[in-house]
């Protein structure tokens, strides 16, 4: 889509994906599912939605919290019993791409020390490291899930973390 609308390079080395909050989670999942498209991924505060911890996502889908408060969450992922091996099983995709020897993204995951999603984010980081993915985890002290963190770290990503041609 971007290459259709804007003057941009189709080369993997020139493309990255980045997002914050749920957009960060989408960036992480997309980069894991399509490593051939992106050189780097920046996930800022992306601990809601897809996760490499398939069991945790299954428990969320089976629990009352999301069913009552966010019914689209369950509608998005489907039944928990059908999660493994589905397009939402990003751990399976991550393992598959490594087994196939595909070149994978450089991952930068950022989560504030006071974020309510920190444990989940750190679990995903640990699982990626266990698999052998290149991952840079940044946990700035005192930050919560808000624009103060996001604004600062989007700028950092654009200035330092991403492989932008300067």
Protein backbone atom coordinates (compact mmCIF):
# COMPACT_ATOMS: atom_id res chain seq x y z
CA UNK A 1 0.00 0.00 0.00
CA UNK A 2 2.72 2.47 0.97
CA UNK A 3 4.70 1.77 -2.17
CA UNK A 4 1.58 2.35 -4.24
CA UNK A 5 0.83 5.71 -2.62
CA UNK A 6 4.28 7.10 -1.87
CA UNK A 7 7.70 7.19 -3.47
CA UNK A 8 9.38 4.46 -1.45
CA UNK A 9 11.73 1.55 -1.82
CA UNK A 10 10.42 -2.01 -2.13
CA UNK A 11 13.69 -3.34 -0.71
CA UNK A 12 13.50 -5.05 2.67
CA UNK A 13 16.55 -3.13 3.91
CA UNK A 14 14.65 0.13 3.44
CA UNK A 15 11.50 -0.88 5.28
CA UNK A 16 10.59 -1.07 8.93
CA UNK A 17 7.44 -1.32 10.99
CA UNK A 18 6.74 0.59 14.19
CA UNK A 19 3.82 1.24 16.49
CA UNK A 20 2.86 2.08 20.04
CA UNK A 21 0.27 0.53 22.36
CA UNK A 22 -1.91 -1.86 20.37
CA UNK A 23 -0.14 -0.63 17.23
CA UNK A 24 3.14 -1.80 18.73
CA UNK A 25 1.63 -5.21 19.24
CA UNK A 26 0.48 -5.27 15.60
CA UNK A 27 3.98 -4.22 14.49
CA UNK A 28 5.53 -7.08 16.46
CA UNK A 29 3.07 -9.66 15.14
CA UNK A 30 3.36 -8.45 11.55
CA UNK A 31 7.17 -8.47 11.64
CA UNK A 32 7.17 -12.01 13.02
CA UNK A 33 4.70 -13.22 10.41
CA UNK A 34 6.36 -11.42 7.47
CA UNK A 35 10.10 -11.14 8.10
CA UNK A 36 10.76 -10.85 4.38
CA UNK A 37 9.19 -7.37 4.36
CA UNK A 38 11.00 -5.55 7.17
CA UNK A 39 14.58 -4.92 8.24
CA UNK A 40 13.52 -3.69 11.69
CA UNK A 41 10.57 -3.56 14.04
CA UNK A 42 9.93 -1.15 16.91
CA UNK A 43 7.25 -2.16 19.39
CA UNK A 44 6.56 0.51 22.01
CA UNK A 45 4.20 -0.52 24.83
CA UNK A 46 2.65 -3.26 22.72
CA UNK A 47 1.52 -5.76 25.34
CA UNK A 48 -2.17 -6.09 24.48
CA UNK A 49 -3.29 -8.54 21.80
CA UNK A 50 -1.06 -11.08 20.11
CA UNK A 51 1.66 -12.62 22.20
CA UNK A 52 4.29 -15.30 21.81
CA UNK A 53 2.87 -16.83 24.99
CA UNK A 54 0.06 -18.74 23.30
CA UNK A 55 -1.13 -20.19 26.60
CA UNK A 56 -1.59 -16.67 28.06
CA UNK A 57 -3.63 -15.59 25.03
CA UNK A 58 -5.77 -18.72 25.31
CA UNK A 59 -6.46 -17.92 28.97
CA UNK A 60 -7.45 -14.36 28.07
CA UNK A 61 -9.81 -15.59 25.38
CA UNK A 62 -11.39 -18.03 27.83
CA UNK A 63 -11.65 -15.49 30.66
CA UNK A 64 -14.49 -13.13 31.49
CA UNK A 65 -12.57 -9.81 31.38
CA UNK A 66 -12.28 -9.49 27.62
CA UNK A 67 -15.60 -11.20 26.90
CA UNK A 68 -17.44 -8.65 29.07
CA UNK A 69 -15.40 -5.50 28.45
CA UNK A 70 -13.93 -5.95 24.97
CA UNK A 71 -16.06 -8.39 22.95
CA UNK A 72 -14.20 -7.56 19.74
CA UNK A 73 -11.04 -9.01 21.30
CA UNK A 74 -12.52 -12.49 21.23
CA UNK A 75 -14.11 -11.88 17.84
CA UNK A 76 -10.69 -10.92 16.48
CA UNK A 77 -8.85 -14.05 17.59
CA UNK A 78 -11.63 -16.62 17.49
CA UNK A 79 -12.00 -19.55 19.84
CA UNK A 80 -9.06 -20.25 22.11
CA UNK A 81 -8.98 -23.92 21.14
CA UNK A 82 -8.26 -22.97 17.53
CA UNK A 83 -5.43 -20.55 18.31
CA UNK A 84 -2.46 -22.92 18.00
CA UNK A 85 -1.21 -23.01 14.43
CA UNK A 86 -3.60 -20.24 13.35
CA UNK A 87 -2.53 -16.93 11.81
CA UNK A 88 -2.58 -15.48 15.34
CA UNK A 89 -0.05 -17.96 16.68
CA UNK A 90 2.97 -15.70 16.28
CA UNK A 91 5.22 -18.04 18.27
CA UNK A 92 4.64 -20.76 15.68
CA UNK A 93 5.38 -18.30 12.88
CA UNK A 94 8.54 -17.13 14.65
CA UNK A 95 9.82 -20.69 15.08
CA UNK A 96 8.92 -21.61 11.49
CA UNK A 97 10.83 -18.70 9.97
CA UNK A 98 13.93 -19.50 12.01
CA UNK A 99 13.72 -23.19 11.06
CA UNK A 100 13.46 -22.19 7.40
CA UNK A 101 16.56 -20.02 7.77
CA UNK A 102 14.75 -16.82 6.83
CA UNK A 103 16.40 -13.52 7.60
CA UNK A 104 14.51 -11.97 10.49
CA UNK A 105 13.99 -8.41 11.70
CA UNK A 106 16.03 -6.55 14.21
CA UNK A 107 13.57 -6.05 17.07
CA UNK A 108 13.45 -3.08 19.41
CA UNK A 109 10.90 -3.48 22.20
CA UNK A 110 10.28 -0.60 24.58
CA UNK A 111 8.10 -0.72 27.69
CA UNK A 112 8.05 1.68 30.63
CA UNK A 113 8.91 0.34 34.06
CA UNK A 114 5.48 1.31 35.42
CA UNK A 115 3.34 -0.05 32.60
CA UNK A 116 0.54 -2.46 33.48
CA UNK A 117 1.61 -4.65 30.53
CA UNK A 118 5.27 -4.90 31.51
CA UNK A 119 5.23 -8.57 32.58
CA UNK A 120 3.60 -9.62 29.32
CA UNK A 121 6.03 -7.59 27.22
CA UNK A 122 9.00 -9.01 29.10
CA UNK A 123 7.68 -12.54 28.61
CA UNK A 124 7.54 -11.96 24.84
CA UNK A 125 11.07 -10.52 24.91
CA UNK A 126 12.30 -13.58 26.83
CA UNK A 127 10.61 -15.98 24.41
CA UNK A 128 12.13 -14.19 21.41
CA UNK A 129 15.57 -14.32 23.00
CA UNK A 130 15.16 -18.04 23.78
CA UNK A 131 14.35 -18.63 20.11
CA UNK A 132 17.45 -16.70 19.05
CA UNK A 133 15.92 -13.52 17.70
CA UNK A 134 17.97 -10.31 17.73
CA UNK A 135 16.19 -8.13 20.26
CA UNK A 136 16.98 -4.87 21.98
CA UNK A 137 14.79 -4.36 25.05
CA UNK A 138 14.53 -0.92 26.61
CA UNK A 139 12.69 -0.40 29.91
CA UNK A 140 12.90 3.27 30.89
CA UNK A 141 12.36 3.88 34.61
CA UNK A 142 9.30 5.78 35.78
CA UNK A 143 7.31 5.69 32.55
CA UNK A 144 3.72 4.51 32.25
CA UNK A 145 1.48 3.63 29.30
CA UNK A 146 1.07 7.14 27.86
CA UNK A 147 2.20 9.70 25.30
CA UNK A 148 5.07 10.95 27.45
CA UNK A 149 6.85 7.63 26.81
CA UNK A 150 5.60 7.16 23.28
CA UNK A 151 6.59 10.61 22.05
CA UNK A 152 10.12 10.32 23.43
CA UNK A 153 10.74 6.80 22.14
CA UNK A 154 9.21 7.32 18.70
CA UNK A 155 11.76 10.12 18.30
CA UNK A 156 14.55 7.86 19.59
CA UNK A 157 13.54 5.13 17.16
CA UNK A 158 13.54 7.51 14.22
CA UNK A 159 16.82 9.15 15.26
CA UNK A 160 18.84 6.12 16.39
CA UNK A 161 17.23 2.69 16.26
CA UNK A 162 15.86 2.35 12.75
CA UNK A 163 18.01 1.75 9.68
CA UNK A 164 16.96 4.95 7.95
CA UNK A 165 19.07 6.34 5.17
CA UNK A 166 20.27 9.67 6.39
